[in-house]
């Protein structure tokens, strides 16, 4: 049995979409010197914080067993499918950073001879 082609059906064409992120962040720019990563079966959570130098009262809290809280500046939740691309982008950019601003290759970064 042969199938007849339906000549009234619209022809499908491949569409290529190029996405370019805006250079102006929707939520503004923030500084972070602390990051925490967690995950569940369905998502990864990346929390960025701003950890200030410890004050004497913080040291007293630490000695008494109290937790020192790092202010959570922003929390990003992404799907596990994005993690390989995020890791690749970080690796690529970190390698460029080392080469351009530290004069190091990725292999030299961890050595003390540089």
C-alpha atoms as a PDB file:
ATOM      1  CA  UNK A   1       0.000   0.000   0.000  1.00  0.00           C
ATOM      2  CA  UNK A   2       1.398   3.424  -0.895  1.00  0.00           C
ATOM      3  CA  UNK A   3       0.578   6.651   0.867  1.00  0.00           C
ATOM      4  CA  UNK A   4      -0.722   9.568  -1.094  1.00  0.00           C
ATOM      5  CA  UNK A   5       0.787  12.923  -0.282  1.00  0.00           C
ATOM      6  CA  UNK A   6      -1.681  15.543   0.829  1.00  0.00           C
ATOM      7  CA  UNK A   7      -0.905  18.450  -1.471  1.00  0.00           C
ATOM      8  CA  UNK A   8      -3.096  20.780   0.571  1.00  0.00           C
ATOM      9  CA  UNK A   9      -0.902  20.469   3.699  1.00  0.00           C
ATOM     10  CA  UNK A  10       1.431  23.430   4.205  1.00  0.00           C
ATOM     11  CA  UNK A  11       5.085  22.821   3.451  1.00  0.00           C
ATOM     12  CA  UNK A  12       7.253  22.781   6.575  1.00  0.00           C
ATOM     13  CA  UNK A  13      10.404  24.862   6.554  1.00  0.00           C
ATOM     14  CA  UNK A  14      13.178  24.906   9.117  1.00  0.00           C
ATOM     15  CA  UNK A  15      13.423  28.144  11.056  1.00  0.00           C
ATOM     16  CA  UNK A  16      16.666  29.299  12.634  1.00  0.00           C
ATOM     17  CA  UNK A  17      16.370  31.585  15.633  1.00  0.00           C
ATOM     18  CA  UNK A  18      19.319  33.530  16.997  1.00  0.00           C
ATOM     19  CA  UNK A  19      18.962  34.693  20.599  1.00  0.00           C
ATOM     20  CA  UNK A  20      20.969  37.640  21.874  1.00  0.00           C
ATOM     21  CA  UNK A  21      20.754  38.571  25.567  1.00  0.00           C
ATOM     22  CA  UNK A  22      20.066  42.159  26.497  1.00  0.00           C
ATOM     23  CA  UNK A  23      23.081  43.976  27.923  1.00  0.00           C
ATOM     24  CA  UNK A  24      20.834  45.745  30.427  1.00  0.00           C
ATOM     25  CA  UNK A  25      19.856  43.315  33.199  1.00  0.00           C
ATOM     26  CA  UNK A  26      16.179  43.331  34.084  1.00  0.00           C
ATOM     27  CA  UNK A  27      16.912  43.314  37.809  1.00  0.00           C
ATOM     28  CA  UNK A  28      20.014  45.503  37.718  1.00  0.00           C
ATOM     29  CA  UNK A  29      23.568  44.527  38.558  1.00  0.00           C
ATOM     30  CA  UNK A  30      24.632  43.346  41.982  1.00  0.00           C
ATOM     31  CA  UNK A  31      27.979  42.419  43.518  1.00  0.00           C
ATOM     32  CA  UNK A  32      28.521  38.959  44.976  1.00  0.00           C
ATOM     33  CA  UNK A  33      31.517  37.422  46.720  1.00  0.00           C
ATOM     34  CA  UNK A  34      29.732  34.298  47.923  1.00  0.00           C
ATOM     35  CA  UNK A  35      27.964  31.545  45.982  1.00  0.00           C
ATOM     36  CA  UNK A  36      26.088  28.448  47.064  1.00  0.00           C
ATOM     37  CA  UNK A  37      24.829  25.725  44.723  1.00  0.00           C
ATOM     38  CA  UNK A  38      22.160  23.154  45.570  1.00  0.00           C
ATOM     39  CA  UNK A  39      19.988  20.824  43.536  1.00  0.00           C
ATOM     40  CA  UNK A  40      16.906  18.661  43.572  1.00  0.00           C
ATOM     41  CA  UNK A  41      15.863  16.020  41.086  1.00  0.00           C
ATOM     42  CA  UNK A  42      14.304  18.725  38.892  1.00  0.00           C
ATOM     43  CA  UNK A  43      16.352  21.918  39.277  1.00  0.00           C
ATOM     44  CA  UNK A  44      19.600  23.553  40.312  1.00  0.00           C
ATOM     45  CA  UNK A  45      19.551  26.553  42.624  1.00  0.00           C
ATOM     46  CA  UNK A  46      22.422  29.023  42.619  1.00  0.00           C
ATOM     47  CA  UNK A  47      22.384  31.603  45.430  1.00  0.00           C
ATOM     48  CA  UNK A  48      24.630  34.636  45.314  1.00  0.00           C
ATOM     49  CA  UNK A  49      25.388  36.577  48.470  1.00  0.00           C
ATOM     50  CA  UNK A  50      27.452  39.479  49.747  1.00  0.00           C
ATOM     51  CA  UNK A  51      29.645  38.348  52.627  1.00  0.00           C
ATOM     52  CA  UNK A  52      31.048  41.272  54.594  1.00  0.00           C
ATOM     53  CA  UNK A  53      34.176  40.984  56.732  1.00  0.00           C
ATOM     54  CA  UNK A  54      33.483  39.535  60.162  1.00  0.00           C
ATOM     55  CA  UNK A  55      32.993  41.962  63.017  1.00  0.00           C
ATOM     56  CA  UNK A  56      33.821  41.197  66.641  1.00  0.00           C
ATOM     57  CA  UNK A  57      30.150  40.436  67.418  1.00  0.00           C
ATOM     58  CA  UNK A  58      30.135  37.902  64.559  1.00  0.00           C
ATOM     59  CA  UNK A  59      33.105  36.132  66.142  1.00  0.00           C
ATOM     60  CA  UNK A  60      31.245  35.987  69.460  1.00  0.00           C
ATOM     61  CA  UNK A  61      28.222  34.476  67.641  1.00  0.00           C
ATOM     62  CA  UNK A  62      30.458  31.902  65.965  1.00  0.00           C
ATOM     63  CA  UNK A  63      32.032  30.869  69.275  1.00  0.00           C
ATOM     64  CA  UNK A  64      28.597  30.438  70.836  1.00  0.00           C
ATOM     65  CA  UNK A  65      27.522  28.155  67.990  1.00  0.00           C
ATOM     66  CA  UNK A  66      25.187  30.656  66.318  1.00  0.00           C
ATOM     67  CA  UNK A  67      25.183  30.750  62.544  1.00  0.00           C
ATOM     68  CA  UNK A  68      26.493  33.771  60.688  1.00  0.00           C
ATOM     69  CA  UNK A  69      23.977  34.585  57.974  1.00  0.00           C
ATOM     70  CA  UNK A  70      25.199  35.708  54.545  1.00  0.00           C
ATOM     71  CA  UNK A  71      22.625  38.022  52.928  1.00  0.00           C
ATOM     72  CA  UNK A  72      21.089  36.354  49.860  1.00  0.00           C
ATOM     73  CA  UNK A  73      21.332  38.889  47.035  1.00  0.00           C
ATOM     74  CA  UNK A  74      19.784  36.802  44.258  1.00  0.00           C
ATOM     75  CA  UNK A  75      18.684  33.214  43.739  1.00  0.00           C
ATOM     76  CA  UNK A  76      18.728  31.689  40.257  1.00  0.00           C
ATOM     77  CA  UNK A  77      16.883  28.437  39.540  1.00  0.00           C
ATOM     78  CA  UNK A  78      17.717  26.573  36.325  1.00  0.00           C
ATOM     79  CA  UNK A  79      16.953  23.199  34.787  1.00  0.00           C
ATOM     80  CA  UNK A  80      19.586  20.437  34.905  1.00  0.00           C
ATOM     81  CA  UNK A  81      19.691  20.535  31.090  1.00  0.00           C
ATOM     82  CA  UNK A  82      21.406  23.956  31.245  1.00  0.00           C
ATOM     83  CA  UNK A  83      24.184  22.893  33.625  1.00  0.00           C
ATOM     84  CA  UNK A  84      26.613  21.520  30.984  1.00  0.00           C
ATOM     85  CA  UNK A  85      26.341  24.772  28.984  1.00  0.00           C
ATOM     86  CA  UNK A  86      26.821  26.910  32.116  1.00  0.00           C
ATOM     87  CA  UNK A  87      29.882  24.877  33.104  1.00  0.00           C
ATOM     88  CA  UNK A  88      31.314  25.112  29.580  1.00  0.00           C
ATOM     89  CA  UNK A  89      30.747  28.891  29.462  1.00  0.00           C
ATOM     90  CA  UNK A  90      32.379  29.359  32.888  1.00  0.00           C
ATOM     91  CA  UNK A  91      35.365  27.196  31.909  1.00  0.00           C
ATOM     92  CA  UNK A  92      35.866  29.067  28.618  1.00  0.00           C
ATOM     93  CA  UNK A  93      35.627  32.481  30.230  1.00  0.00           C
ATOM     94  CA  UNK A  94      37.818  31.548  33.199  1.00  0.00           C
ATOM     95  CA  UNK A  95      40.519  30.283  30.822  1.00  0.00           C
ATOM     96  CA  UNK A  96      40.357  33.569  28.872  1.00  0.00           C
ATOM     97  CA  UNK A  97      40.525  35.524  32.141  1.00  0.00           C
ATOM     98  CA  UNK A  98      43.675  33.665  33.228  1.00  0.00           C
ATOM     99  CA  UNK A  99      45.346  34.195  29.871  1.00  0.00           C
ATOM    100  CA  UNK A 100      44.361  37.861  29.437  1.00  0.00           C
ATOM    101  CA  UNK A 101      44.683  39.224  32.961  1.00  0.00           C
ATOM    102  CA  UNK A 102      47.034  36.870  34.787  1.00  0.00           C
ATOM    103  CA  UNK A 103      49.297  35.780  31.944  1.00  0.00           C
ATOM    104  CA  UNK A 104      48.692  32.123  32.825  1.00  0.00           C
ATOM    105  CA  UNK A 105      47.479  29.076  31.012  1.00  0.00           C
ATOM    106  CA  UNK A 106      44.857  26.879  32.668  1.00  0.00           C
ATOM    107  CA  UNK A 107      47.564  24.306  33.429  1.00  0.00           C
ATOM    108  CA  UNK A 108      49.820  26.904  35.146  1.00  0.00           C
ATOM    109  CA  UNK A 109      47.055  28.340  37.331  1.00  0.00           C
ATOM    110  CA  UNK A 110      47.460  25.882  40.197  1.00  0.00           C
ATOM    111  CA  UNK A 111      51.268  25.849  40.256  1.00  0.00           C
ATOM    112  CA  UNK A 112      53.474  27.937  42.527  1.00  0.00           C
ATOM    113  CA  UNK A 113      56.199  28.446  39.906  1.00  0.00           C
ATOM    114  CA  UNK A 114      54.462  31.275  38.047  1.00  0.00           C
END
